[in-house]
Amino acid sequence: MIGGAQKCGTTQLHNLLIAHPQLFLPRRPQELHYFDLQYDRGMRWYASHFQQVSAEQKIGQTSPLYLFDKGVPERMERDLPGAKLIFVLRDPVRRAYSHYWHQVKKGSESESFAQALALEPMRLKGSGADRRRYSYVARGLYLEQLERFGAWPRDRIRIVLFEELISNPGAVVDSLCVFLGVERRGADCVARARKQSNRAALPRSTRVQQLVRRVRPRAPRLARAIELLNLKPVRYPAMDPVVCSELAEVFREPNQALAEQFQLDLSGWTSAEG
């Protein structure tokens, strides 16, 4: 189970693992969101997405909200207690900034990054959708989210760092192959994986982008087509150094605790620098 976090490379990892012949992960939809948003549909609905699996394959699934949603661990422990869990984590300062521009791109965010951070505590008291959209800092507090999965032995949880996934994807996949008990195919998976394009872009019209959001649940392909026409490629500006420094301080101690508990080298993270 690839369970998040958002804007940390879960889609890239999904595409790498789906290229392995001994692994089966659903392609459409890639993110089933069963244990967070679709749980009331039942296990029969969930299982229907794995009908094409062969006897030689192990099955997996990707949903970047699984780490953040508080209800997921209990549901997953009840229904899939033997699952192995993979979480992709990224420098939370950079993750927050990427998350912010993702919401601007989707037409959900109109405030400056600094103002959005200031508004976050109030916004998190709103709807579930608001909590998902505006959790720029909250989603980067990884340790408190990982601790919810305390029922899982540590040897069935694997942390992947986004920075390593980007710099050496073959080695990351090989390590996960060992973890999952399949043949090492890192180089092959990198060569065969579908390339994911998630370029920086902003909407030409915010109103059209908001319309896309309303249409997507009923007609996802139409919504995606409209969205692509409405987006224009841009280069996002660099983060304000003052805001960056303030965020780094927010995450410093949580990251140190995360590194200690999971024996991670986070020295390359902005918020882990001494």
C-alpha atoms as a PDB file:
ATOM      1  CA  MET A   1       0.000   0.000   0.000  1.00  0.00           C
ATOM      2  CA  ILE A   2       1.533   3.296  -1.138  1.00  0.00           C
ATOM      3  CA  GLY A   3      -0.108   5.662   1.323  1.00  0.00           C
ATOM      4  CA  GLY A   4       1.237   9.148   0.711  1.00  0.00           C
ATOM      5  CA  ALA A   5       2.150  11.836   1.362  1.00  0.00           C
ATOM      6  CA  GLN A   6       0.650  14.232  -1.186  1.00  0.00           C
ATOM      7  CA  LYS A   7       3.064  16.010  -3.582  1.00  0.00           C
ATOM      8  CA  CYS A   8       5.825  13.596  -2.591  1.00  0.00           C
ATOM      9  CA  GLY A   9       6.089  11.459  -5.718  1.00  0.00           C
ATOM     10  CA  THR A  10       3.464   8.782  -5.048  1.00  0.00           C
ATOM     11  CA  THR A  11       2.351   8.840  -8.689  1.00  0.00           C
ATOM     12  CA  GLN A  12       5.925   8.407  -9.890  1.00  0.00           C
ATOM     13  CA  LEU A  13       6.450   5.480  -7.550  1.00  0.00           C
ATOM     14  CA  HIS A  14       3.128   3.964  -8.640  1.00  0.00           C
ATOM     15  CA  ASN A  15       4.213   4.138 -12.281  1.00  0.00           C
ATOM     16  CA  LEU A  16       7.564   2.539 -11.466  1.00  0.00           C
ATOM     17  CA  LEU A  17       6.047  -0.372  -9.544  1.00  0.00           C
ATOM     18  CA  ILE A  18       3.272  -0.959 -12.052  1.00  0.00           C
ATOM     19  CA  ALA A  19       6.023  -1.611 -14.618  1.00  0.00           C
ATOM     20  CA  HIS A  20       7.174  -4.641 -12.602  1.00  0.00           C
ATOM     21  CA  PRO A  21       5.694  -7.856 -14.063  1.00  0.00           C
ATOM     22  CA  GLN A  22       5.230  -9.408 -10.618  1.00  0.00           C
ATOM     23  CA  LEU A  23       3.205  -6.495  -9.271  1.00  0.00           C
ATOM     24  CA  PHE A  24      -0.343  -5.394 -10.073  1.00  0.00           C
ATOM     25  CA  LEU A  25      -1.621  -1.924  -9.214  1.00  0.00           C
ATOM     26  CA  PRO A  26      -4.862  -0.516 -10.695  1.00  0.00           C
ATOM     27  CA  ARG A  27      -4.317   1.941 -13.544  1.00  0.00           C
ATOM     28  CA  ARG A  28      -7.718   3.644 -13.806  1.00  0.00           C
ATOM     29  CA  PRO A  29      -8.429   5.053 -11.407  1.00  0.00           C
ATOM     30  CA  GLN A  30      -4.934   5.037  -9.976  1.00  0.00           C
ATOM     31  CA  GLU A  31      -6.087   6.493  -6.657  1.00  0.00           C
ATOM     32  CA  LEU A  32      -9.015   4.436  -5.395  1.00  0.00           C
ATOM     33  CA  HIS A  33      -9.314   6.374  -2.113  1.00  0.00           C
ATOM     34  CA  TYR A  34     -11.106   3.370  -0.639  1.00  0.00           C
ATOM     35  CA  PHE A  35      -9.948   3.585   2.974  1.00  0.00           C
ATOM     36  CA  ASP A  36     -10.452   7.356   3.130  1.00  0.00           C
ATOM     37  CA  LEU A  37     -13.219   8.681   0.857  1.00  0.00           C
ATOM     38  CA  GLN A  38     -14.922   5.566  -0.579  1.00  0.00           C
ATOM     39  CA  TYR A  39     -15.072   3.203   2.373  1.00  0.00           C
ATOM     40  CA  ASP A  40     -18.858   3.099   2.415  1.00  0.00           C
ATOM     41  CA  ARG A  41     -18.773   1.367  -0.993  1.00  0.00           C
ATOM     42  CA  GLY A  42     -17.593  -1.821   0.662  1.00  0.00           C
ATOM     43  CA  MET A  43     -14.887  -4.401   0.077  1.00  0.00           C
ATOM     44  CA  ARG A  44     -16.645  -5.890  -2.949  1.00  0.00           C
ATOM     45  CA  TRP A  45     -16.302  -2.554  -4.777  1.00  0.00           C
ATOM     46  CA  TYR A  46     -12.661  -2.321  -3.721  1.00  0.00           C
ATOM     47  CA  ALA A  47     -11.871  -5.872  -4.828  1.00  0.00           C
ATOM     48  CA  SER A  48     -13.471  -5.264  -8.231  1.00  0.00           C
ATOM     49  CA  HIS A  49     -10.462  -3.130  -9.210  1.00  0.00           C
ATOM     50  CA  PHE A  50      -8.118  -6.118  -8.939  1.00  0.00           C
ATOM     51  CA  GLN A  51      -9.933  -8.589 -11.204  1.00  0.00           C
ATOM     52  CA  GLN A  52      -7.174  -8.592 -13.824  1.00  0.00           C
ATOM     53  CA  VAL A  53      -4.443  -9.724 -11.447  1.00  0.00           C
ATOM     54  CA  SER A  54      -2.683 -12.975 -12.332  1.00  0.00           C
ATOM     55  CA  ALA A  55      -1.794 -15.737  -9.896  1.00  0.00           C
ATOM     56  CA  GLU A  56       1.892 -14.790 -10.160  1.00  0.00           C
ATOM     57  CA  GLN A  57       1.372 -11.168  -9.128  1.00  0.00           C
ATOM     58  CA  LYS A  58       1.215  -9.417  -5.804  1.00  0.00           C
ATOM     59  CA  ILE A  59      -1.302  -6.586  -5.601  1.00  0.00           C
ATOM     60  CA  GLY A  60      -0.820  -3.027  -4.473  1.00  0.00           C
ATOM     61  CA  GLN A  61      -2.632   0.287  -4.468  1.00  0.00           C
ATOM     62  CA  THR A  62      -1.835   4.000  -4.219  1.00  0.00           C
ATOM     63  CA  SER A  63      -3.758   6.719  -2.387  1.00  0.00           C
ATOM     64  CA  PRO A  64      -1.792   9.754  -1.157  1.00  0.00           C
ATOM     65  CA  LEU A  65      -4.459  10.641   1.411  1.00  0.00           C
ATOM     66  CA  TYR A  66      -4.011   7.427   3.418  1.00  0.00           C
ATOM     67  CA  LEU A  67      -1.247   8.895   5.555  1.00  0.00           C
ATOM     68  CA  PHE A  68      -3.175  12.054   6.437  1.00  0.00           C
ATOM     69  CA  ASP A  69      -6.720  10.733   6.957  1.00  0.00           C
ATOM     70  CA  LYS A  70      -7.174   9.785  10.621  1.00  0.00           C
ATOM     71  CA  GLY A  71      -9.718   7.050   9.903  1.00  0.00           C
ATOM     72  CA  VAL A  72      -7.500   5.032   7.559  1.00  0.00           C
ATOM     73  CA  PRO A  73      -5.287   3.063  10.018  1.00  0.00           C
ATOM     74  CA  GLU A  74      -8.211   1.510  11.904  1.00  0.00           C
ATOM     75  CA  ARG A  75     -10.040   0.587   8.703  1.00  0.00           C
ATOM     76  CA  MET A  76      -6.933  -0.826   7.079  1.00  0.00           C
ATOM     77  CA  GLU A  77      -5.991  -2.803  10.193  1.00  0.00           C
ATOM     78  CA  ARG A  78      -9.477  -4.321  10.238  1.00  0.00           C
ATOM     79  CA  ASP A  79      -9.657  -5.232   6.538  1.00  0.00           C
ATOM     80  CA  LEU A  80      -6.024  -5.714   5.418  1.00  0.00           C
ATOM     81  CA  PRO A  81      -3.949  -6.392   8.540  1.00  0.00           C
ATOM     82  CA  GLY A  82      -1.221  -8.157   6.552  1.00  0.00           C
ATOM     83  CA  ALA A  83      -0.539  -5.285   4.146  1.00  0.00           C
ATOM     84  CA  LYS A  84       2.921  -3.829   3.747  1.00  0.00           C
ATOM     85  CA  LEU A  85       2.920  -0.034   3.887  1.00  0.00           C
ATOM     86  CA  ILE A  86       5.055   2.362   1.828  1.00  0.00           C
ATOM     87  CA  PHE A  87       5.077   6.086   2.570  1.00  0.00           C
ATOM     88  CA  VAL A  88       6.894   8.630   0.391  1.00  0.00           C
ATOM     89  CA  LEU A  89       8.079  11.671   2.348  1.00  0.00           C
ATOM     90  CA  ARG A  90       9.538  14.944   1.082  1.00  0.00           C
ATOM     91  CA  ASP A  91      11.190  17.958   2.682  1.00  0.00           C
ATOM     92  CA  PRO A  92       7.993  19.377   4.264  1.00  0.00           C
ATOM     93  CA  VAL A  93       8.929  22.972   3.422  1.00  0.00           C
ATOM     94  CA  ARG A  94       9.156  22.135  -0.292  1.00  0.00           C
ATOM     95  CA  ARG A  95       6.139  19.863  -0.040  1.00  0.00           C
ATOM     96  CA  ALA A  96       4.036  22.679   1.440  1.00  0.00           C
ATOM     97  CA  TYR A  97       5.030  25.060  -1.353  1.00  0.00           C
ATOM     98  CA  SER A  98       4.268  22.463  -4.023  1.00  0.00           C
ATOM     99  CA  HIS A  99       0.920  21.750  -2.362  1.00  0.00           C
ATOM    100  CA  TYR A 100       0.118  25.457  -2.372  1.00  0.00           C
ATOM    101  CA  TRP A 101       0.750  25.842  -6.110  1.00  0.00           C
ATOM    102  CA  HIS A 102      -1.240  22.681  -6.765  1.00  0.00           C
ATOM    103  CA  GLN A 103      -4.252  24.345  -5.134  1.00  0.00           C
ATOM    104  CA  VAL A 104      -3.667  27.555  -7.099  1.00  0.00           C
ATOM    105  CA  LYS A 105      -3.518  25.457 -10.251  1.00  0.00           C
ATOM    106  CA  LYS A 106      -6.812  23.764  -9.329  1.00  0.00           C
ATOM    107  CA  GLY A 107      -8.510  27.111  -8.743  1.00  0.00           C
ATOM    108  CA  SER A 108      -8.951  26.490  -5.003  1.00  0.00           C
ATOM    109  CA  GLU A 109      -6.398  28.981  -3.682  1.00  0.00           C
ATOM    110  CA  SER A 110      -6.299  32.725  -4.275  1.00  0.00           C
ATOM    111  CA  GLU A 111      -4.246  33.909  -1.283  1.00  0.00           C
ATOM    112  CA  SER A 112      -0.494  34.453  -1.201  1.00  0.00           C
ATOM    113  CA  PHE A 113       1.544  31.582   0.230  1.00  0.00           C
ATOM    114  CA  ALA A 114       2.271  33.506   3.438  1.00  0.00           C
ATOM    115  CA  GLN A 115      -1.401  34.384   3.905  1.00  0.00           C
ATOM    116  CA  ALA A 116      -2.467  30.817   3.132  1.00  0.00           C
ATOM    117  CA  LEU A 117      -0.177  29.569   5.895  1.00  0.00           C
ATOM    118  CA  ALA A 118      -1.649  32.110   8.305  1.00  0.00           C
ATOM    119  CA  LEU A 119      -5.186  31.002   7.407  1.00  0.00           C
ATOM    120  CA  GLU A 120      -4.474  27.281   7.680  1.00  0.00           C
ATOM    121  CA  PRO A 121      -5.529  26.744  11.336  1.00  0.00           C
ATOM    122  CA  MET A 122      -8.924  28.320  10.653  1.00  0.00           C
ATOM    123  CA  ARG A 123      -9.381  26.520   7.345  1.00  0.00           C
ATOM    124  CA  LEU A 124      -8.642  23.137   8.910  1.00  0.00           C
ATOM    125  CA  LYS A 125     -11.725  23.589  11.085  1.00  0.00           C
ATOM    126  CA  GLY A 126     -13.892  23.642   7.959  1.00  0.00           C
ATOM    127  CA  SER A 127     -15.093  20.783   5.772  1.00  0.00           C
ATOM    128  CA  GLY A 128     -13.189  17.641   4.964  1.00  0.00           C
ATOM    129  CA  ALA A 129     -12.461  19.092   1.533  1.00  0.00           C
ATOM    130  CA  ASP A 130     -10.992  22.211   3.130  1.00  0.00           C
ATOM    131  CA  ARG A 131      -8.839  20.062   5.379  1.00  0.00           C
ATOM    132  CA  ARG A 132      -7.458  18.220   2.358  1.00  0.00           C
ATOM    133  CA  ARG A 133      -6.927  21.354   0.263  1.00  0.00           C
ATOM    134  CA  TYR A 134      -5.342  23.703   2.771  1.00  0.00           C
ATOM    135  CA  SER A 135      -3.265  21.415   5.018  1.00  0.00           C
ATOM    136  CA  TYR A 136       0.058  22.884   3.868  1.00  0.00           C
ATOM    137  CA  VAL A 137       1.799  22.560   7.238  1.00  0.00           C
ATOM    138  CA  ALA A 138      -0.334  19.795   8.757  1.00  0.00           C
ATOM    139  CA  ARG A 139       0.498  17.271   6.057  1.00  0.00           C
ATOM    140  CA  GLY A 140       4.200  17.833   6.624  1.00  0.00           C
ATOM    141  CA  LEU A 141       4.051  16.733  10.267  1.00  0.00           C
ATOM    142  CA  TYR A 142       4.855  13.200   9.216  1.00  0.00           C
ATOM    143  CA  LEU A 143       5.714  11.537  12.500  1.00  0.00           C
ATOM    144  CA  GLU A 144       2.368  12.183  14.178  1.00  0.00           C
ATOM    145  CA  GLN A 145       0.675  10.694  11.103  1.00  0.00           C
ATOM    146  CA  LEU A 146       2.947   7.647  10.983  1.00  0.00           C
ATOM    147  CA  GLU A 147       2.352   6.980  14.674  1.00  0.00           C
ATOM    148  CA  ARG A 148      -1.307   6.261  13.875  1.00  0.00           C
ATOM    149  CA  PHE A 149      -0.086   3.102  12.136  1.00  0.00           C
ATOM    150  CA  GLY A 150       1.358   1.781  15.395  1.00  0.00           C
ATOM    151  CA  ALA A 151      -0.411  -1.580  14.957  1.00  0.00           C
ATOM    152  CA  TRP A 152       1.978  -2.400  12.103  1.00  0.00           C
ATOM    153  CA  PRO A 153       5.397  -3.879  12.951  1.00  0.00           C
ATOM    154  CA  ARG A 154       8.213  -1.623  11.757  1.00  0.00           C
ATOM    155  CA  ASP A 155       9.462  -4.346   9.393  1.00  0.00           C
ATOM    156  CA  ARG A 156       6.224  -3.978   7.405  1.00  0.00           C
ATOM    157  CA  ILE A 157       6.572  -0.210   6.999  1.00  0.00           C
ATOM    158  CA  ARG A 158       8.985   1.296   4.516  1.00  0.00           C
ATOM    159  CA  ILE A 159       9.772   5.007   4.217  1.00  0.00           C
ATOM    160  CA  VAL A 160      10.890   6.289   0.805  1.00  0.00           C
ATOM    161  CA  LEU A 161      12.393   9.751   0.560  1.00  0.00           C
ATOM    162  CA  PHE A 162      11.224  11.813  -2.414  1.00  0.00           C
ATOM    163  CA  GLU A 163      14.712  13.182  -2.937  1.00  0.00           C
ATOM    164  CA  GLU A 164      16.145   9.664  -3.341  1.00  0.00           C
ATOM    165  CA  LEU A 165      13.259   8.632  -5.577  1.00  0.00           C
ATOM    166  CA  ILE A 166      14.111  11.505  -7.914  1.00  0.00           C
ATOM    167  CA  SER A 167      17.894  11.092  -7.838  1.00  0.00           C
ATOM    168  CA  ASN A 168      18.109   7.279  -7.981  1.00  0.00           C
ATOM    169  CA  PRO A 169      14.758   5.662  -8.816  1.00  0.00           C
ATOM    170  CA  GLY A 170      16.281   2.333  -9.813  1.00  0.00           C
ATOM    171  CA  ALA A 171      17.915   1.847  -6.425  1.00  0.00           C
ATOM    172  CA  VAL A 172      14.683   2.806  -4.643  1.00  0.00           C
ATOM    173  CA  VAL A 173      12.701   0.276  -6.682  1.00  0.00           C
ATOM    174  CA  ASP A 174      15.295  -2.448  -6.058  1.00  0.00           C
ATOM    175  CA  SER A 175      15.040  -1.814  -2.321  1.00  0.00           C
ATOM    176  CA  LEU A 176      11.252  -2.034  -2.494  1.00  0.00           C
ATOM    177  CA  CYS A 177      11.463  -5.246  -4.524  1.00  0.00           C
ATOM    178  CA  VAL A 178      13.327  -6.827  -1.617  1.00  0.00           C
ATOM    179  CA  PHE A 179      10.773  -5.401   0.814  1.00  0.00           C
ATOM    180  CA  LEU A 180       7.864  -6.786  -1.246  1.00  0.00           C
ATOM    181  CA  GLY A 181       9.473 -10.155  -1.959  1.00  0.00           C
ATOM    182  CA  VAL A 182       9.731  -9.906  -5.747  1.00  0.00           C
ATOM    183  CA  GLU A 183      12.641  -9.974  -8.187  1.00  0.00           C
ATOM    184  CA  ARG A 184      14.858  -6.923  -8.352  1.00  0.00           C
ATOM    185  CA  ARG A 185      13.856  -5.084 -11.531  1.00  0.00           C
ATOM    186  CA  GLY A 186      14.756  -1.479 -10.707  1.00  0.00           C
ATOM    187  CA  ALA A 187      16.525  -0.645 -13.961  1.00  0.00           C
ATOM    188  CA  ASP A 188      13.819  -2.362 -16.029  1.00  0.00           C
ATOM    189  CA  CYS A 189      11.044  -0.536 -14.201  1.00  0.00           C
ATOM    190  CA  VAL A 190      12.724   2.828 -14.750  1.00  0.00           C
ATOM    191  CA  ALA A 191      13.051   2.071 -18.464  1.00  0.00           C
ATOM    192  CA  ARG A 192       9.468   0.816 -18.832  1.00  0.00           C
ATOM    193  CA  ALA A 193       7.585   3.174 -16.522  1.00  0.00           C
ATOM    194  CA  ARG A 194       5.088   5.594 -17.980  1.00  0.00           C
ATOM    195  CA  LYS A 195       6.517   9.069 -17.743  1.00  0.00           C
ATOM    196  CA  GLN A 196       4.405  11.360 -15.586  1.00  0.00           C
ATOM    197  CA  SER A 197       4.153  14.982 -16.661  1.00  0.00           C
ATOM    198  CA  ASN A 198       3.131  17.339 -13.883  1.00  0.00           C
ATOM    199  CA  ARG A 199       4.567  20.589 -15.158  1.00  0.00           C
ATOM    200  CA  ALA A 200       4.064  23.911 -13.486  1.00  0.00           C
ATOM    201  CA  ALA A 201       0.906  25.555 -14.787  1.00  0.00           C
ATOM    202  CA  LEU A 202      -1.763  28.060 -13.817  1.00  0.00           C
ATOM    203  CA  PRO A 203      -5.367  28.406 -14.989  1.00  0.00           C
ATOM    204  CA  ARG A 204      -6.145  30.916 -17.717  1.00  0.00           C
ATOM    205  CA  SER A 205      -9.544  31.330 -16.052  1.00  0.00           C
ATOM    206  CA  THR A 206     -10.163  30.603 -12.363  1.00  0.00           C
ATOM    207  CA  ARG A 207     -13.902  30.342 -13.023  1.00  0.00           C
ATOM    208  CA  VAL A 208     -13.369  27.606 -15.610  1.00  0.00           C
ATOM    209  CA  GLN A 209     -11.106  25.741 -13.184  1.00  0.00           C
ATOM    210  CA  GLN A 210     -13.775  25.929 -10.489  1.00  0.00           C
ATOM    211  CA  LEU A 211     -16.290  24.556 -13.007  1.00  0.00           C
ATOM    212  CA  VAL A 212     -13.885  21.688 -13.713  1.00  0.00           C
ATOM    213  CA  ARG A 213     -13.874  20.845 -10.007  1.00  0.00           C
ATOM    214  CA  ARG A 214     -17.662  20.555  -9.986  1.00  0.00           C
ATOM    215  CA  VAL A 215     -17.774  18.489 -13.187  1.00  0.00           C
ATOM    216  CA  ARG A 216     -14.949  16.063 -12.290  1.00  0.00           C
ATOM    217  CA  PRO A 217     -16.980  13.669 -10.039  1.00  0.00           C
ATOM    218  CA  ARG A 218     -19.555  13.076 -12.783  1.00  0.00           C
ATOM    219  CA  ALA A 219     -17.390  13.282 -15.920  1.00  0.00           C
ATOM    220  CA  PRO A 220     -13.689  12.943 -15.061  1.00  0.00           C
ATOM    221  CA  ARG A 221     -12.446  12.633 -18.652  1.00  0.00           C
ATOM    222  CA  LEU A 222     -14.372  15.693 -19.809  1.00  0.00           C
ATOM    223  CA  ALA A 223     -13.142  17.622 -16.781  1.00  0.00           C
ATOM    224  CA  ARG A 224      -9.546  16.668 -17.517  1.00  0.00           C
ATOM    225  CA  ALA A 225      -9.862  17.734 -21.157  1.00  0.00           C
ATOM    226  CA  ILE A 226     -11.274  21.132 -20.165  1.00  0.00           C
ATOM    227  CA  GLU A 227      -8.615  21.542 -17.494  1.00  0.00           C
ATOM    228  CA  LEU A 228      -5.772  20.900 -19.944  1.00  0.00           C
ATOM    229  CA  LEU A 229      -7.146  23.528 -22.331  1.00  0.00           C
ATOM    230  CA  ASN A 230      -7.496  26.009 -19.487  1.00  0.00           C
ATOM    231  CA  LEU A 231      -3.965  25.594 -18.108  1.00  0.00           C
ATOM    232  CA  LYS A 232      -0.993  27.615 -19.284  1.00  0.00           C
ATOM    233  CA  PRO A 233       2.614  26.591 -18.523  1.00  0.00           C
ATOM    234  CA  VAL A 234       4.468  28.877 -16.126  1.00  0.00           C
ATOM    235  CA  ARG A 235       7.512  28.921 -13.890  1.00  0.00           C
ATOM    236  CA  TYR A 236       6.526  29.183 -10.243  1.00  0.00           C
ATOM    237  CA  PRO A 237       8.397  31.908  -8.365  1.00  0.00           C
ATOM    238  CA  ALA A 238      10.971  31.017  -5.724  1.00  0.00           C
ATOM    239  CA  MET A 239       9.692  30.834  -2.175  1.00  0.00           C
ATOM    240  CA  ASP A 240      10.119  33.976  -0.090  1.00  0.00           C
ATOM    241  CA  PRO A 241      13.289  33.373   1.995  1.00  0.00           C
ATOM    242  CA  VAL A 242      11.628  34.704   5.140  1.00  0.00           C
ATOM    243  CA  VAL A 243       8.667  32.347   4.772  1.00  0.00           C
ATOM    244  CA  CYS A 244      11.059  29.496   3.982  1.00  0.00           C
ATOM    245  CA  SER A 245      13.058  30.175   7.135  1.00  0.00           C
ATOM    246  CA  GLU A 246       9.930  30.369   9.277  1.00  0.00           C
ATOM    247  CA  LEU A 247       8.609  27.099   7.899  1.00  0.00           C
ATOM    248  CA  ALA A 248      11.968  25.426   8.414  1.00  0.00           C
ATOM    249  CA  GLU A 249      11.794  26.353  12.082  1.00  0.00           C
ATOM    250  CA  VAL A 250       8.258  24.951  12.391  1.00  0.00           C
ATOM    251  CA  PHE A 251       9.407  21.577  11.065  1.00  0.00           C
ATOM    252  CA  ARG A 252      12.855  21.396  12.668  1.00  0.00           C
ATOM    253  CA  GLU A 253      12.003  19.496  15.850  1.00  0.00           C
ATOM    254  CA  PRO A 254       9.338  17.211  14.275  1.00  0.00           C
ATOM    255  CA  ASN A 255      11.844  16.230  11.598  1.00  0.00           C
ATOM    256  CA  GLN A 256      14.536  15.489  14.126  1.00  0.00           C
ATOM    257  CA  ALA A 257      12.138  13.187  15.988  1.00  0.00           C
ATOM    258  CA  LEU A 258      11.125  11.523  12.704  1.00  0.00           C
ATOM    259  CA  ALA A 259      14.769  10.904  11.767  1.00  0.00           C
ATOM    260  CA  GLU A 260      15.493   9.347  15.158  1.00  0.00           C
ATOM    261  CA  GLN A 261      12.466   7.069  15.299  1.00  0.00           C
ATOM    262  CA  PHE A 262      12.770   5.755  11.732  1.00  0.00           C
ATOM    263  CA  GLN A 263      16.563   6.030  11.423  1.00  0.00           C
ATOM    264  CA  LEU A 264      16.393   8.351   8.413  1.00  0.00           C
ATOM    265  CA  ASP A 265      19.055  10.671   7.038  1.00  0.00           C
ATOM    266  CA  LEU A 266      17.147  13.929   6.560  1.00  0.00           C
ATOM    267  CA  SER A 267      20.219  16.153   6.395  1.00  0.00           C
ATOM    268  CA  GLY A 268      19.258  17.280   2.895  1.00  0.00           C
ATOM    269  CA  TRP A 269      15.918  18.708   4.035  1.00  0.00           C
ATOM    270  CA  THR A 270      15.665  22.470   4.460  1.00  0.00           C
ATOM    271  CA  SER A 271      13.953  22.043   7.787  1.00  0.00           C
ATOM    272  CA  ALA A 272      16.519  19.528   9.073  1.00  0.00           C
ATOM    273  CA  GLU A 273      19.580  21.699   8.608  1.00  0.00           C
ATOM    274  CA  GLY A 274      21.405  22.676  11.794  1.00  0.00           C
END
